[in-house]
Protein backbone atom coordinates (compact mmCIF):
# COMPACT_ATOMS: atom_id res chain seq x y z
CA UNK A 1 0.03 -0.02 0.01
CA UNK A 2 1.16 3.49 -0.88
CA UNK A 3 -0.26 6.95 -0.71
CA UNK A 4 -1.01 7.97 -4.33
CA UNK A 5 -3.43 10.88 -3.88
CA UNK A 6 -2.57 13.59 -1.30
CA UNK A 7 -4.48 16.66 -0.33
CA UNK A 8 -2.98 19.69 1.42
CA UNK A 9 -4.91 22.63 2.80
CA UNK A 10 -3.38 25.95 1.68
CA UNK A 11 -3.85 29.38 3.11
CA UNK A 12 -1.92 32.65 3.50
CA UNK A 13 -0.27 31.89 6.87
CA UNK A 14 3.45 31.23 7.41
CA UNK A 15 2.61 27.79 8.71
CA UNK A 16 1.13 26.88 5.31
CA UNK A 17 4.55 26.96 3.68
CA UNK A 18 5.96 24.36 6.01
CA UNK A 19 2.78 22.33 5.56
CA UNK A 20 3.25 22.47 1.81
CA UNK A 21 6.92 21.47 2.11
CA UNK A 22 5.91 18.48 4.18
CA UNK A 23 3.20 17.46 1.73
CA UNK A 24 5.72 17.79 -1.17
CA UNK A 25 8.22 15.55 0.74
CA UNK A 26 5.49 12.89 1.25
CA UNK A 27 4.49 13.06 -2.41
CA UNK A 28 8.10 12.50 -3.54
CA UNK A 29 8.51 9.63 -1.06
CA UNK A 30 5.42 7.80 -2.39
CA UNK A 31 5.36 9.10 -5.96
CA UNK A 32 1.93 10.64 -5.28
CA UNK A 33 -0.11 13.34 -6.86
CA UNK A 34 -0.61 16.37 -4.70
CA UNK A 35 -3.83 18.49 -4.71
CA UNK A 36 -3.57 21.94 -3.13
CA UNK A 37 -6.89 23.05 -1.70
CA UNK A 38 -7.60 26.71 -1.04
CA UNK A 39 -10.72 27.33 1.03
CA UNK A 40 -11.47 31.08 1.30
CA UNK A 41 -15.03 32.26 2.06
CA UNK A 42 -16.40 35.09 -0.07
CA UNK A 43 -19.54 36.97 0.99
CA UNK A 44 -22.48 36.18 -1.20
CA UNK A 45 -23.45 38.99 -3.54
CA UNK A 46 -27.20 39.11 -2.44
CA UNK A 47 -26.10 39.58 1.19
CA UNK A 48 -23.72 42.38 0.44
CA UNK A 49 -26.23 44.07 -1.92
CA UNK A 50 -28.51 44.66 1.01
CA UNK A 51 -25.98 47.07 2.44
CA UNK A 52 -26.38 50.60 1.06
CA UNK A 53 -23.42 51.59 -1.08
CA UNK A 54 -21.77 48.26 -0.78
CA UNK A 55 -21.59 47.37 -4.46
CA UNK A 56 -18.16 48.95 -4.99
CA UNK A 57 -16.90 47.34 -1.76
CA UNK A 58 -18.05 43.87 -2.97
CA UNK A 59 -16.25 44.36 -6.28
CA UNK A 60 -13.01 45.22 -4.43
CA UNK A 61 -13.45 42.12 -2.20
CA UNK A 62 -13.73 39.95 -5.30
CA UNK A 63 -10.74 41.64 -6.94
CA UNK A 64 -8.58 41.09 -3.84
CA UNK A 65 -9.71 37.50 -3.53
CA UNK A 66 -8.89 36.72 -7.13
CA UNK A 67 -5.50 38.35 -6.74
CA UNK A 68 -4.72 36.40 -3.52
CA UNK A 69 -5.87 33.12 -5.07
CA UNK A 70 -3.77 33.66 -8.18
CA UNK A 71 -0.68 34.24 -6.12
CA UNK A 72 -1.41 31.18 -4.08
CA UNK A 73 -1.93 29.10 -7.21
CA UNK A 74 1.38 30.38 -8.78
CA UNK A 75 3.27 29.66 -5.55
CA UNK A 76 1.85 26.17 -5.30
CA UNK A 77 2.51 25.25 -8.90
CA UNK A 78 6.00 26.61 -8.73
CA UNK A 79 6.77 24.57 -5.59
CA UNK A 80 5.41 21.40 -7.22
CA UNK A 81 7.49 22.06 -10.35
CA UNK A 82 10.66 22.57 -8.32
CA UNK A 83 9.98 19.40 -6.27
CA UNK A 84 9.18 17.37 -9.40
CA UNK A 85 5.68 16.49 -8.05
CA UNK A 86 2.45 16.33 -10.07
CA UNK A 87 0.26 18.95 -8.56
CA UNK A 88 -3.25 20.28 -9.08
CA UNK A 89 -4.71 23.49 -7.52
CA UNK A 90 -8.31 23.41 -6.37
CA UNK A 91 -10.30 26.12 -4.67
CA UNK A 92 -13.64 26.71 -2.98
CA UNK A 93 -15.33 30.02 -2.21
CA UNK A 94 -17.10 28.70 0.84
CA UNK A 95 -15.96 27.80 4.36
CA UNK A 96 -18.65 25.08 4.66
CA UNK A 97 -16.83 22.00 5.76
CA UNK A 98 -18.75 19.92 3.24
CA UNK A 99 -16.64 21.39 0.52
CA UNK A 100 -13.48 20.29 2.29
CA UNK A 101 -14.83 16.85 3.01
CA UNK A 102 -15.72 16.40 -0.65
CA UNK A 103 -12.04 16.71 -1.65
CA UNK A 104 -10.79 14.74 1.45
CA UNK A 105 -12.90 11.72 0.48
CA UNK A 106 -10.98 11.47 -2.80
CA UNK A 107 -7.60 11.48 -1.04
CA UNK A 108 -5.43 8.81 0.53
CA UNK A 109 -4.09 11.27 3.00
CA UNK A 110 -5.08 14.88 3.97
CA UNK A 111 -2.34 17.23 5.20
CA UNK A 112 -3.97 19.90 7.37
CA UNK A 113 -2.78 22.51 9.76
CA UNK A 114 -3.30 22.74 13.50
CA UNK A 115 -5.93 25.37 14.29
CA UNK A 116 -4.32 28.64 15.31
CA UNK A 117 -6.61 31.07 17.09
CA UNK A 118 -4.09 33.89 16.61
CA UNK A 119 -3.99 33.60 12.84
CA UNK A 120 -7.35 34.59 11.35
CA UNK A 121 -6.13 33.96 7.85
CA UNK A 122 -6.10 30.26 8.59
CA UNK A 123 -9.68 30.19 9.83
CA UNK A 124 -12.09 27.73 8.22
CA UNK A 125 -14.66 27.16 10.96
CA UNK A 126 -14.76 26.16 14.58
CA UNK A 127 -13.43 22.70 15.50
CA UNK A 128 -12.40 21.97 11.88
CA UNK A 129 -9.91 19.32 12.97
CA UNK A 130 -12.38 17.34 14.94
CA UNK A 131 -15.04 17.62 12.17
CA UNK A 132 -12.49 16.34 9.61
CA UNK A 133 -11.74 13.33 11.67
CA UNK A 134 -15.33 12.42 12.06
CA UNK A 135 -16.32 13.00 8.45
CA UNK A 136 -13.47 12.91 5.97
CA UNK A 137 -13.14 9.14 5.70
CA UNK A 138 -9.36 9.31 5.22
CA UNK A 139 -6.34 9.76 7.65
CA UNK A 140 -5.55 13.35 8.49
CA UNK A 141 -1.95 14.46 9.11
CA UNK A 142 -2.06 17.56 11.33
CA UNK A 143 1.06 19.87 11.16
CA UNK A 144 1.66 22.09 14.20
CA UNK A 145 1.54 25.86 13.44
CA UNK A 146 4.86 26.39 15.25
CA UNK A 147 8.09 24.47 15.04
CA UNK A 148 10.39 23.14 12.28
CA UNK A 149 10.01 19.54 11.08
CA UNK A 150 12.82 18.47 8.75
CA UNK A 151 11.57 14.89 8.77
CA UNK A 152 8.15 13.33 9.23
CA UNK A 153 7.65 9.60 9.61
CA UNK A 154 11.12 8.31 10.23
CA UNK A 155 10.57 7.82 13.98
CA UNK A 156 6.92 7.09 14.83
CA UNK A 157 5.16 6.89 18.12
CA UNK A 158 2.05 4.65 17.71
CA UNK A 159 -0.57 5.22 20.47
CA UNK A 160 -2.28 1.85 21.03
CA UNK A 161 -5.32 1.08 23.16
CA UNK A 162 -6.60 -1.95 21.27
CA UNK A 163 -9.60 -0.05 19.95
CA UNK A 164 -11.15 -0.16 16.45
CA UNK A 165 -10.02 3.44 15.92
CA UNK A 166 -6.40 2.63 16.81
CA UNK A 167 -6.48 -0.38 14.54
CA UNK A 168 -7.84 1.73 11.70
CA UNK A 169 -5.17 4.30 12.20
CA UNK A 170 -2.38 1.73 12.12
CA UNK A 171 -3.63 0.31 8.81
CA UNK A 172 -4.02 3.86 7.34
CA UNK A 173 -0.44 4.63 8.44
CA UNK A 174 1.13 1.41 7.12
CA UNK A 175 2.95 3.23 4.26
CA UNK A 176 4.79 5.29 6.95
CA UNK A 177 5.15 2.53 9.44
CA UNK A 178 6.75 0.05 6.98
CA UNK A 179 9.37 2.60 5.96
CA UNK A 180 10.17 4.22 9.30
CA UNK A 181 13.60 3.78 10.82
CA UNK A 182 11.91 3.08 14.16
CA UNK A 183 8.34 2.65 15.41
CA UNK A 184 7.37 2.51 19.11
CA UNK A 185 4.02 1.23 20.14
CA UNK A 186 2.95 3.02 23.37
CA UNK A 187 0.06 1.87 25.59
CA UNK A 188 -0.97 4.25 28.32
CA UNK A 189 -2.62 2.43 31.25
CA UNK A 190 -4.99 3.91 33.70
CA UNK A 191 -7.75 2.99 36.13
CA UNK A 192 -10.38 3.13 33.38
CA UNK A 193 -8.70 0.27 31.44
CA UNK A 194 -10.83 -2.78 30.58
CA UNK A 195 -9.99 -6.03 32.33
CA UNK A 196 -6.46 -7.43 31.43
CA UNK A 197 -7.91 -10.36 29.43
CA UNK A 198 -10.05 -8.01 27.38
CA UNK A 199 -7.13 -5.82 26.13
CA UNK A 200 -5.07 -6.51 23.07
CA UNK A 201 -1.41 -6.12 24.09
CA UNK A 202 0.83 -3.85 22.14
CA UNK A 203 3.27 -6.81 21.69
CA UNK A 204 0.55 -8.60 19.67
CA UNK A 205 0.17 -5.64 17.32
CA UNK A 206 3.97 -5.39 17.11
CA UNK A 207 4.19 -8.94 15.73
CA UNK A 208 1.51 -8.09 13.18
CA UNK A 209 3.46 -5.02 12.02
CA UNK A 210 6.69 -6.94 11.88
CA UNK A 211 5.17 -8.93 9.03
CA UNK A 212 5.19 -5.67 7.17
CA UNK A 213 8.95 -5.36 7.68
CA UNK A 214 8.36 -2.65 10.27
CA UNK A 215 10.98 -2.02 13.02
CA UNK A 216 8.93 -2.05 16.29
CA UNK A 217 9.51 -1.48 19.94
CA UNK A 218 6.85 -1.71 22.66
CA UNK A 219 6.47 0.52 25.66
CA UNK A 220 3.87 0.38 28.49
CA UNK A 221 3.15 3.57 30.48
CA UNK A 222 1.37 3.35 33.84
CA UNK A 223 -0.56 5.74 36.04
CA UNK A 224 -2.53 7.72 33.41
CA UNK A 225 -5.80 9.55 34.06
CA UNK A 226 -8.19 10.76 31.48
CA UNK A 227 -6.66 14.20 31.79
CA UNK A 228 -3.00 13.13 31.71
CA UNK A 229 -2.88 10.39 29.01
CA UNK A 230 -2.46 12.91 26.11
CA UNK A 231 0.30 14.80 27.93
CA UNK A 232 2.06 11.53 28.65
CA UNK A 233 2.03 10.62 24.94
CA UNK A 234 3.50 14.03 24.05
CA UNK A 235 6.21 13.73 26.63
CA UNK A 236 7.03 10.23 25.44
CA UNK A 237 7.31 11.44 21.84
CA UNK A 238 9.73 14.10 22.91
CA UNK A 239 11.76 11.71 24.98
CA UNK A 240 12.15 9.25 22.13
CA UNK A 241 12.77 11.81 19.42
CA UNK A 242 9.64 10.88 17.51
CA UNK A 243 8.88 12.98 14.46
CA UNK A 244 5.35 11.71 14.04
CA UNK A 245 2.60 10.62 16.40
CA UNK A 246 -0.03 8.23 15.09
CA UNK A 247 -3.33 7.47 16.90
CA UNK A 248 -6.91 6.70 16.46
CA UNK A 249 -9.25 9.60 17.09
CA UNK A 250 -12.30 9.19 19.29
CA UNK A 251 -15.34 7.41 17.94
CA UNK A 252 -19.06 7.94 18.01
CA UNK A 253 -19.54 5.79 21.08
CA UNK A 254 -20.01 8.01 24.09
CA UNK A 255 -17.92 5.86 26.41
CA UNK A 256 -15.01 5.96 24.01
CA UNK A 257 -15.25 9.77 23.63
CA UNK A 258 -15.28 10.05 27.42
CA UNK A 259 -12.05 8.08 27.71
CA UNK A 260 -10.12 8.98 24.61
CA UNK A 261 -11.82 12.15 23.42
CA UNK A 262 -9.70 14.14 25.91
CA UNK A 263 -6.55 12.56 24.44
CA UNK A 264 -7.57 13.52 20.93
CA UNK A 265 -8.26 17.08 21.99
CA UNK A 266 -5.02 17.32 23.92
CA UNK A 267 -2.92 16.33 20.88
CA UNK A 268 -4.91 18.57 18.49
CA UNK A 269 -4.38 21.55 20.87
CA UNK A 270 -0.88 20.86 22.13
CA UNK A 271 0.99 18.89 19.45
CA UNK A 272 4.67 19.59 19.14
CA UNK A 273 5.26 17.23 16.23
CA UNK A 274 2.94 16.23 13.30
CA UNK A 275 0.11 13.85 14.35
CA UNK A 276 -1.62 11.44 12.00
CA UNK A 277 -5.15 10.52 13.13
CA UNK A 278 -7.80 8.21 11.78
CA UNK A 279 -11.37 7.52 12.93
């Protein structure tokens, strides 16, 4: 299995350039096509027309939007050409998440940015990361809005709790896992764990991944609470020099959201390295 169709979200922020660089590197690694998606809402004409004297203002908004989009398209196409990657630029004039999901469902992997409340130019809508995870149908690689990431996927921390979501995430990440220099399966144990006999040990998943020629270590962390499990994973990634965290996002089941939803949100809000999530 390889990633052949990648989607990267583009915007005018500084973080978007690094996100694009990471997407281009992944595209080269897997010989994939890269689609650059620009989602920039434009006010509807009939709404603006209801404001006295707003016709000229609306025309200027459209002109600036077209100018911005043309510059973004030129930058994307130049970057793809320089990297030797087949690229296509796509755009949507609405911030409705359905337009994003439509493109995401045609991709093998979606490279998105971590939400940054201090950068309004990156805004799509509230909780876009969580909505993507629940609706996109493909794995989402979130890139932090701060930091420098010269490599992604060479040293992977795999968060494992034996759940369907974690299993789905591992299979979605197999192209990375099978090529990584090192993978470490990390299980965070706490008082809310199911009985010992009901859990699938990380060592069992390690044997499965070894059949994909993956280099695997296993680590068990004890003493987690719902509030601390996400922080423990982040600290473990830093301690082991991981350049990618991989985990299953919370599911629809309420009990699973109660236990792992907090972990998902912690990583979405506090990630220090890219995080690949599936649902």
